[in-house]
Amino acid sequence: MDNDNRNAWKWGFSAGAENWNGRLAMLGFVAALIVEFVSGQGILHFLGLT
């Protein structure tokens, strides 16, 4: 069994990199949903990219 702490923050390729990547992706997705709900515009339109 792998003894590395999968919640530890380590730079580079580590056992916890996939966990942190998923967590940060979920935060970004929720932030985009909140921006869209509050502003009534899509995230690209809100940022002026479309």
N, C-alpha and C. Protein backbone atom coordinates (compact mmCIF):
# COMPACT_ATOMS: atom_id res chain seq x y z
N MET A 1 0.85 -1.19 0.00
CA MET A 1 0.00 0.00 0.00
C MET A 1 0.88 1.24 0.00
N ASP A 2 0.43 2.28 -0.64
CA ASP A 2 1.17 3.52 -0.75
C ASP A 2 1.08 4.29 0.57
N ASN A 3 2.22 4.65 1.14
CA ASN A 3 2.25 5.34 2.42
C ASN A 3 2.27 6.85 2.29
N ASP A 4 2.30 7.39 1.07
CA ASP A 4 2.30 8.83 0.88
C ASP A 4 0.97 9.42 1.31
N ASN A 5 1.03 10.59 1.91
CA ASN A 5 -0.19 11.31 2.28
C ASN A 5 -0.75 11.97 1.03
N ARG A 6 -1.90 11.52 0.57
CA ARG A 6 -2.47 12.03 -0.67
C ARG A 6 -3.04 13.43 -0.50
N ASN A 7 -3.12 13.94 0.72
CA ASN A 7 -3.61 15.30 0.95
C ASN A 7 -2.48 16.31 1.11
N ALA A 8 -1.25 15.84 1.17
CA ALA A 8 -0.11 16.74 1.35
C ALA A 8 0.15 17.52 0.06
N TRP A 9 0.49 18.80 0.23
CA TRP A 9 0.79 19.65 -0.93
C TRP A 9 2.26 19.47 -1.28
N LYS A 10 2.52 18.88 -2.45
CA LYS A 10 3.88 18.71 -2.93
C LYS A 10 3.94 19.18 -4.36
N TRP A 11 5.04 19.83 -4.74
CA TRP A 11 5.19 20.30 -6.11
C TRP A 11 5.57 19.14 -7.01
N GLY A 12 5.17 19.22 -8.27
CA GLY A 12 5.53 18.21 -9.25
C GLY A 12 4.60 17.03 -9.24
N PHE A 13 5.06 15.93 -9.80
CA PHE A 13 4.25 14.73 -9.88
C PHE A 13 4.33 13.99 -8.56
N SER A 14 3.22 13.95 -7.85
CA SER A 14 3.18 13.27 -6.56
C SER A 14 1.87 12.51 -6.44
N ALA A 15 1.74 11.76 -5.37
CA ALA A 15 0.55 10.94 -5.17
C ALA A 15 -0.71 11.80 -5.01
N GLY A 16 -0.57 12.99 -4.44
CA GLY A 16 -1.73 13.83 -4.20
C GLY A 16 -2.06 14.81 -5.31
N ALA A 17 -1.27 14.81 -6.39
CA ALA A 17 -1.48 15.79 -7.45
C ALA A 17 -2.86 15.65 -8.08
N GLU A 18 -3.31 14.44 -8.30
CA GLU A 18 -4.62 14.24 -8.91
C GLU A 18 -5.75 14.72 -8.00
N ASN A 19 -5.59 14.51 -6.69
CA ASN A 19 -6.59 15.00 -5.74
C ASN A 19 -6.68 16.52 -5.77
N TRP A 20 -5.54 17.20 -5.72
CA TRP A 20 -5.55 18.65 -5.72
C TRP A 20 -6.06 19.21 -7.04
N ASN A 21 -5.71 18.55 -8.15
CA ASN A 21 -6.19 18.99 -9.45
C ASN A 21 -7.71 18.92 -9.51
N GLY A 22 -8.27 17.83 -9.02
CA GLY A 22 -9.72 17.68 -9.01
C GLY A 22 -10.40 18.68 -8.10
N ARG A 23 -9.83 18.92 -6.95
CA ARG A 23 -10.42 19.88 -6.01
C ARG A 23 -10.44 21.29 -6.58
N LEU A 24 -9.33 21.70 -7.17
CA LEU A 24 -9.26 23.04 -7.75
C LEU A 24 -10.16 23.18 -8.97
N ALA A 25 -10.31 22.11 -9.75
CA ALA A 25 -11.23 22.14 -10.89
C ALA A 25 -12.66 22.29 -10.41
N MET A 26 -13.03 21.62 -9.34
CA MET A 26 -14.39 21.75 -8.79
C MET A 26 -14.64 23.17 -8.29
N LEU A 27 -13.65 23.77 -7.65
CA LEU A 27 -13.80 25.16 -7.19
C LEU A 27 -13.98 26.12 -8.36
N GLY A 28 -13.21 25.92 -9.42
CA GLY A 28 -13.34 26.77 -10.60
C GLY A 28 -14.70 26.62 -11.27
N PHE A 29 -15.20 25.40 -11.33
CA PHE A 29 -16.50 25.16 -11.94
C PHE A 29 -17.62 25.82 -11.13
N VAL A 30 -17.56 25.68 -9.82
CA VAL A 30 -18.57 26.30 -8.95
C VAL A 30 -18.47 27.83 -9.05
N ALA A 31 -17.27 28.37 -9.11
CA ALA A 31 -17.11 29.82 -9.26
C ALA A 31 -17.72 30.30 -10.57
N ALA A 32 -17.53 29.55 -11.66
CA ALA A 32 -18.12 29.93 -12.94
C ALA A 32 -19.65 29.88 -12.87
N LEU A 33 -20.20 28.89 -12.20
CA LEU A 33 -21.65 28.81 -12.03
C LEU A 33 -22.19 29.99 -11.22
N ILE A 34 -21.48 30.37 -10.18
CA ILE A 34 -21.91 31.51 -9.36
C ILE A 34 -21.88 32.80 -10.16
N VAL A 35 -20.81 33.02 -10.93
CA VAL A 35 -20.72 34.22 -11.78
C VAL A 35 -21.88 34.25 -12.76
N GLU A 36 -22.18 33.10 -13.38
CA GLU A 36 -23.26 33.05 -14.35
C GLU A 36 -24.61 33.30 -13.69
N PHE A 37 -24.82 32.76 -12.50
CA PHE A 37 -26.09 32.96 -11.79
C PHE A 37 -26.26 34.41 -11.36
N VAL A 38 -25.22 35.02 -10.84
CA VAL A 38 -25.31 36.39 -10.32
C VAL A 38 -25.42 37.41 -11.44
N SER A 39 -24.63 37.24 -12.51
CA SER A 39 -24.60 38.25 -13.56
C SER A 39 -25.63 38.00 -14.67
N GLY A 40 -26.11 36.78 -14.79
CA GLY A 40 -27.05 36.46 -15.86
C GLY A 40 -26.38 36.30 -17.21
N GLN A 41 -25.05 36.25 -17.23
CA GLN A 41 -24.28 36.12 -18.47
C GLN A 41 -23.36 34.90 -18.32
N GLY A 42 -22.99 34.34 -19.44
CA GLY A 42 -22.00 33.28 -19.42
C GLY A 42 -20.65 33.83 -19.01
N ILE A 43 -19.75 32.96 -18.59
CA ILE A 43 -18.45 33.42 -18.07
C ILE A 43 -17.63 34.12 -19.16
N LEU A 44 -17.69 33.63 -20.39
CA LEU A 44 -16.92 34.28 -21.47
C LEU A 44 -17.49 35.66 -21.79
N HIS A 45 -18.80 35.78 -21.79
CA HIS A 45 -19.43 37.07 -22.04
C HIS A 45 -19.17 38.03 -20.88
N PHE A 46 -19.20 37.52 -19.66
CA PHE A 46 -18.93 38.33 -18.47
C PHE A 46 -17.52 38.91 -18.53
N LEU A 47 -16.56 38.12 -19.02
CA LEU A 47 -15.18 38.57 -19.11
C LEU A 47 -14.91 39.41 -20.35
N GLY A 48 -15.91 39.56 -21.23
CA GLY A 48 -15.77 40.37 -22.43
C GLY A 48 -15.03 39.67 -23.55
N LEU A 49 -15.02 38.35 -23.56
CA LEU A 49 -14.30 37.59 -24.59
C LEU A 49 -15.18 37.23 -25.77
N THR A 50 -16.48 37.42 -25.67
CA THR A 50 -17.37 37.16 -26.81
C THR A 50 -18.24 38.36 -27.08
